[in-house]
C-alpha atoms as a PDB file:
ATOM      1  CA  MET A   1     234.758  20.797 190.082  1.00  0.00           C
ATOM      2  CA  LYS A   2     235.948  17.455 188.446  1.00  0.00           C
ATOM      3  CA  ILE A   3     238.618  15.600 190.723  1.00  0.00           C
ATOM      4  CA  TYR A   4     241.117  13.158 190.321  1.00  0.00           C
ATOM      5  CA  VAL A   5     242.054  11.572 193.286  1.00  0.00           C
ATOM      6  CA  ALA A   6     245.364  10.092 193.066  1.00  0.00           C
ATOM      7  CA  SER A   7     246.311   7.547 195.609  1.00  0.00           C
ATOM      8  CA  SER A   8     247.171   4.254 196.221  1.00  0.00           C
ATOM      9  CA  TRP A   9     244.917   0.766 196.488  1.00  0.00           C
ATOM     10  CA  ARG A  10     246.956   0.276 200.080  1.00  0.00           C
ATOM     11  CA  ASN A  11     245.437   3.767 201.804  1.00  0.00           C
ATOM     12  CA  PRO A  12     242.607   3.310 203.504  1.00  0.00           C
ATOM     13  CA  ARG A  13     241.141   6.844 203.859  1.00  0.00           C
ATOM     14  CA  GLN A  14     240.872   6.690 199.919  1.00  0.00           C
ATOM     15  CA  PRO A  15     236.955   5.779 199.714  1.00  0.00           C
ATOM     16  CA  ASP A  16     236.362   8.400 202.672  1.00  0.00           C
ATOM     17  CA  VAL A  17     238.186  11.239 200.738  1.00  0.00           C
ATOM     18  CA  VAL A  18     236.047  10.376 197.540  1.00  0.00           C
ATOM     19  CA  SER A  19     232.904  10.208 199.270  1.00  0.00           C
ATOM     20  CA  ALA A  20     233.513  13.633 201.333  1.00  0.00           C
ATOM     21  CA  LEU A  21     234.854  15.401 198.092  1.00  0.00           C
ATOM     22  CA  ARG A  22     231.164  14.081 196.230  1.00  0.00           C
ATOM     23  CA  LEU A  23     229.531  14.982 199.393  1.00  0.00           C
ATOM     24  CA  ALA A  24     231.221  18.340 199.066  1.00  0.00           C
ATOM     25  CA  GLY A  25     229.160  18.483 195.802  1.00  0.00           C
ATOM     26  CA  HIS A  26     232.262  17.506 193.245  1.00  0.00           C
ATOM     27  CA  GLU A  27     232.795  15.118 190.667  1.00  0.00           C
ATOM     28  CA  VAL A  28     234.904  12.466 191.693  1.00  0.00           C
ATOM     29  CA  TYR A  29     237.067   9.590 189.843  1.00  0.00           C
ATOM     30  CA  ASP A  30     237.393   6.734 191.911  1.00  0.00           C
ATOM     31  CA  PHE A  31     239.934   4.355 190.157  1.00  0.00           C
ATOM     32  CA  ARG A  32     238.903   1.585 192.516  1.00  0.00           C
ATOM     33  CA  HIS A  33     235.512   1.819 191.027  1.00  0.00           C
ATOM     34  CA  PRO A  34     235.657   3.996 187.693  1.00  0.00           C
ATOM     35  CA  ALA A  35     232.436   2.752 186.770  1.00  0.00           C
ATOM     36  CA  PRO A  36     229.497   0.593 188.250  1.00  0.00           C
ATOM     37  CA  GLY A  37     230.164  -2.702 188.625  1.00  0.00           C
ATOM     38  CA  ASP A  38     233.558  -2.196 187.617  1.00  0.00           C
ATOM     39  CA  ASN A  39     236.243  -2.905 190.823  1.00  0.00           C
ATOM     40  CA  GLY A  40     239.274  -1.051 188.821  1.00  0.00           C
ATOM     41  CA  PHE A  41     242.507  -2.407 187.505  1.00  0.00           C
ATOM     42  CA  HIS A  42     244.595  -5.234 189.235  1.00  0.00           C
ATOM     43  CA  TRP A  43     247.431  -6.715 188.276  1.00  0.00           C
ATOM     44  CA  SER A  44     246.444 -10.241 189.102  1.00  0.00           C
ATOM     45  CA  GLU A  45     244.009 -10.104 186.610  1.00  0.00           C
ATOM     46  CA  ILE A  46     246.662 -10.643 183.914  1.00  0.00           C
ATOM     47  CA  ASP A  47     249.163 -13.203 186.411  1.00  0.00           C
ATOM     48  CA  LYS A  48     248.042 -14.280 189.512  1.00  0.00           C
ATOM     49  CA  ASP A  49     251.935 -14.479 189.956  1.00  0.00           C
ATOM     50  CA  TRP A  50     252.519 -10.385 189.023  1.00  0.00           C
ATOM     51  CA  GLU A  51     254.583 -10.231 191.938  1.00  0.00           C
ATOM     52  CA  ARG A  52     257.237 -12.334 190.938  1.00  0.00           C
ATOM     53  CA  TRP A  53     257.742 -10.724 187.548  1.00  0.00           C
ATOM     54  CA  ASP A  54     261.403  -9.909 186.254  1.00  0.00           C
ATOM     55  CA  ALA A  55     261.871  -6.565 184.419  1.00  0.00           C
ATOM     56  CA  ASN A  56     261.071  -8.578 181.291  1.00  0.00           C
ATOM     57  CA  ALA A  57     257.508  -9.412 182.443  1.00  0.00           C
ATOM     58  CA  PHE A  58     256.761  -6.472 183.848  1.00  0.00           C
ATOM     59  CA  ARG A  59     257.276  -4.797 180.340  1.00  0.00           C
ATOM     60  CA  SER A  60     255.371  -7.468 178.520  1.00  0.00           C
ATOM     61  CA  GLY A  61     252.614  -7.149 181.196  1.00  0.00           C
ATOM     62  CA  LEU A  62     252.005  -3.344 180.641  1.00  0.00           C
ATOM     63  CA  GLN A  63     251.199  -4.523 176.945  1.00  0.00           C
ATOM     64  CA  HIS A  64     248.515  -6.845 177.703  1.00  0.00           C
ATOM     65  CA  SER A  65     244.986  -5.673 177.114  1.00  0.00           C
ATOM     66  CA  ILE A  66     243.766  -5.643 180.655  1.00  0.00           C
ATOM     67  CA  ALA A  67     246.798  -3.063 181.217  1.00  0.00           C
ATOM     68  CA  VAL A  68     246.118  -1.021 178.181  1.00  0.00           C
ATOM     69  CA  ASN A  69     242.124  -0.886 179.351  1.00  0.00           C
ATOM     70  CA  GLY A  70     243.066  -0.067 182.922  1.00  0.00           C
ATOM     71  CA  PHE A  71     245.459   2.343 181.844  1.00  0.00           C
ATOM     72  CA  GLU A  72     243.004   4.178 179.233  1.00  0.00           C
ATOM     73  CA  LYS A  73     240.458   4.868 181.818  1.00  0.00           C
ATOM     74  CA  ASP A  74     242.498   6.295 184.091  1.00  0.00           C
ATOM     75  CA  HIS A  75     244.607   8.362 181.398  1.00  0.00           C
ATOM     76  CA  ALA A  76     240.783   9.370 179.936  1.00  0.00           C
ATOM     77  CA  ALA A  77     239.894  10.477 183.799  1.00  0.00           C
ATOM     78  CA  MET A  78     243.062  12.146 184.085  1.00  0.00           C
ATOM     79  CA  GLU A  79     242.036  14.652 180.689  1.00  0.00           C
ATOM     80  CA  TRP A  80     238.596  15.036 182.565  1.00  0.00           C
ATOM     81  CA  ALA A  81     239.563  16.161 185.192  1.00  0.00           C
ATOM     82  CA  ASP A  82     240.136  19.908 186.430  1.00  0.00           C
ATOM     83  CA  ALA A  83     241.838  18.952 189.841  1.00  0.00           C
ATOM     84  CA  PHE A  84     244.034  16.277 191.313  1.00  0.00           C
ATOM     85  CA  VAL A  85     244.500  15.465 194.703  1.00  0.00           C
ATOM     86  CA  LEU A  86     247.427  13.528 195.858  1.00  0.00           C
ATOM     87  CA  LEU A  87     246.244  11.547 199.057  1.00  0.00           C
ATOM     88  CA  LEU A  88     249.310  10.409 201.027  1.00  0.00           C
ATOM     89  CA  PRO A  89     250.533   7.818 201.484  1.00  0.00           C
ATOM     90  CA  CYS A  90     250.903   6.713 197.692  1.00  0.00           C
ATOM     91  CA  GLY A  91     253.271   5.225 195.422  1.00  0.00           C
ATOM     92  CA  ARG A  92     255.089   5.789 191.962  1.00  0.00           C
ATOM     93  CA  SER A  93     251.728   5.750 190.209  1.00  0.00           C
ATOM     94  CA  ALA A  94     249.892   8.207 192.015  1.00  0.00           C
ATOM     95  CA  HIS A  95     252.931  10.348 191.905  1.00  0.00           C
ATOM     96  CA  LEU A  96     253.612  10.152 188.195  1.00  0.00           C
ATOM     97  CA  GLU A  97     249.850  11.064 187.776  1.00  0.00           C
ATOM     98  CA  PHE A  98     250.262  13.897 189.809  1.00  0.00           C
ATOM     99  CA  GLY A  99     253.625  15.378 188.197  1.00  0.00           C
ATOM    100  CA  TRP A 100     251.738  14.846 185.102  1.00  0.00           C
ATOM    101  CA  ALA A 101     248.694  17.150 186.427  1.00  0.00           C
ATOM    102  CA  CYS A 102     251.451  19.668 187.425  1.00  0.00           C
ATOM    103  CA  GLY A 103     252.630  19.798 184.065  1.00  0.00           C
ATOM    104  CA  LYS A 104     249.029  20.048 182.463  1.00  0.00           C
ATOM    105  CA  GLY A 105     248.472  23.059 184.539  1.00  0.00           C
ATOM    106  CA  LYS A 106     245.270  21.506 186.469  1.00  0.00           C
ATOM    107  CA  VAL A 107     244.523  22.522 190.124  1.00  0.00           C
ATOM    108  CA  THR A 108     246.717  20.289 191.917  1.00  0.00           C
ATOM    109  CA  ILE A 109     246.174  19.525 196.016  1.00  0.00           C
ATOM    110  CA  ILE A 110     248.762  17.840 198.295  1.00  0.00           C
ATOM    111  CA  LEU A 111     246.437  15.791 201.247  1.00  0.00           C
ATOM    112  CA  LEU A 112     249.407  15.064 204.009  1.00  0.00           C
ATOM    113  CA  ASP A 113     248.923  12.204 206.488  1.00  0.00           C
ATOM    114  CA  GLY A 114     250.348  13.536 209.288  1.00  0.00           C
ATOM    115  CA  LYS A 115     253.318  10.997 209.093  1.00  0.00           C
ATOM    116  CA  ASN A 116     255.475  12.641 206.072  1.00  0.00           C
ATOM    117  CA  GLU A 117     258.999  12.590 204.953  1.00  0.00           C
ATOM    118  CA  PRO A 118     259.462  16.218 203.666  1.00  0.00           C
ATOM    119  CA  GLU A 119     259.842  16.388 199.725  1.00  0.00           C
ATOM    120  CA  LEU A 120     261.062  19.569 198.155  1.00  0.00           C
ATOM    121  CA  MET A 121     259.173  18.655 194.987  1.00  0.00           C
ATOM    122  CA  TYR A 122     255.881  18.943 196.716  1.00  0.00           C
ATOM    123  CA  ARG A 123     256.455  22.829 196.134  1.00  0.00           C
ATOM    124  CA  GLU A 124     254.988  21.872 192.607  1.00  0.00           C
ATOM    125  CA  ALA A 125     251.387  21.948 194.278  1.00  0.00           C
ATOM    126  CA  ASP A 126     249.088  24.481 194.100  1.00  0.00           C
ATOM    127  CA  PHE A 127     247.910  23.759 197.879  1.00  0.00           C
ATOM    128  CA  ILE A 128     249.441  21.665 200.660  1.00  0.00           C
ATOM    129  CA  CYS A 129     246.576  20.654 203.062  1.00  0.00           C
ATOM    130  CA  VAL A 130     246.673  19.105 206.341  1.00  0.00           C
ATOM    131  CA  ASP A 131     243.344  17.667 206.686  1.00  0.00           C
ATOM    132  CA  LEU A 132     240.058  17.582 204.289  1.00  0.00           C
ATOM    133  CA  ILE A 133     238.332  20.612 205.335  1.00  0.00           C
ATOM    134  CA  GLU A 134     241.603  22.335 204.101  1.00  0.00           C
ATOM    135  CA  VAL A 135     241.247  20.323 200.288  1.00  0.00           C
ATOM    136  CA  VAL A 136     237.084  21.175 200.292  1.00  0.00           C
ATOM    137  CA  GLY A 137     238.221  24.759 201.045  1.00  0.00           C
ATOM    138  CA  ALA A 138     240.855  25.119 198.619  1.00  0.00           C
ATOM    139  CA  LEU A 139     238.537  23.862 196.224  1.00  0.00           C
ATOM    140  CA  SER A 140     235.774  26.185 197.053  1.00  0.00           C
ATOM    141  CA  ALA A 141     238.203  29.031 196.335  1.00  0.00           C
ATOM    142  CA  GLN A 142     239.170  27.713 192.952  1.00  0.00           C
ATOM    143  CA  VAL A 143     235.526  27.467 192.049  1.00  0.00           C
ATOM    144  CA  CYS A 144     235.032  30.810 193.130  1.00  0.00           C
ATOM    145  CA  LYS A 145     238.070  31.823 190.970  1.00  0.00           C
ATOM    146  CA  LEU A 146     236.746  30.236 187.908  1.00  0.00           C
ATOM    147  CA  ASN A 147     233.203  31.687 188.484  1.00  0.00           C
ATOM    148  CA  GLY A 148     234.609  35.276 188.662  1.00  0.00           C
ATOM    149  CA  GLU A 149     233.676  35.466 192.295  1.00  0.00           C
ATOM    150  CA  THR A 150     235.370  37.035 195.262  1.00  0.00           C
ATOM    151  CA  LYS A 151     235.314  36.475 199.165  1.00  0.00           C
ATOM    152  CA  GLY A 152     233.075  38.904 200.503  1.00  0.00           C
ATOM    153  CA  ARG A 153     229.846  38.221 198.030  1.00  0.00           C
END
C-alpha cells in the first residue's frame, strides 16, 4: 500500500516507523525526506524568528512560496496515499491530515505511544494499534481485502 505517516518532527519514532513499513513492502511518504536531497519543510527557511510570530505574521508566512511549496508536496502525498498512520505523539498538523484522510475514506490507523490521553474522536479511525506489529497486520489485512483474498488462503 501507499502510506502517509502523519506525525511530528519531534517524534523520535517517526524514522523507524517509516523504515519498518518500507521493509514490510509498502511505499511510504516521509515528510522529513519527501524526495532525494529534500529535507522537508521548515518554518526557519522563511524566517529564523518564526517562533516569535504574531497572528498576522503567521498568516503572511502561510502565503510565502516556501510554505506553499511545502504544503503542495505534503498534500500531493496525502492524495497519493491509500492509508494513513497517525503516529503519536503528534500535533495539530498531523491531526488535521489524519482528519482529512478520515473524511476522504482512506484507510486510517492510529499508532498509540503507550502514554496516551484518551480521545473520543479516535473512534473515527479504522484501526487503533498499540505497536508496529499490529499496524503491519492491519495493513496486510487491507491489502488482502483489496485483492479479494480471505484468511486461510
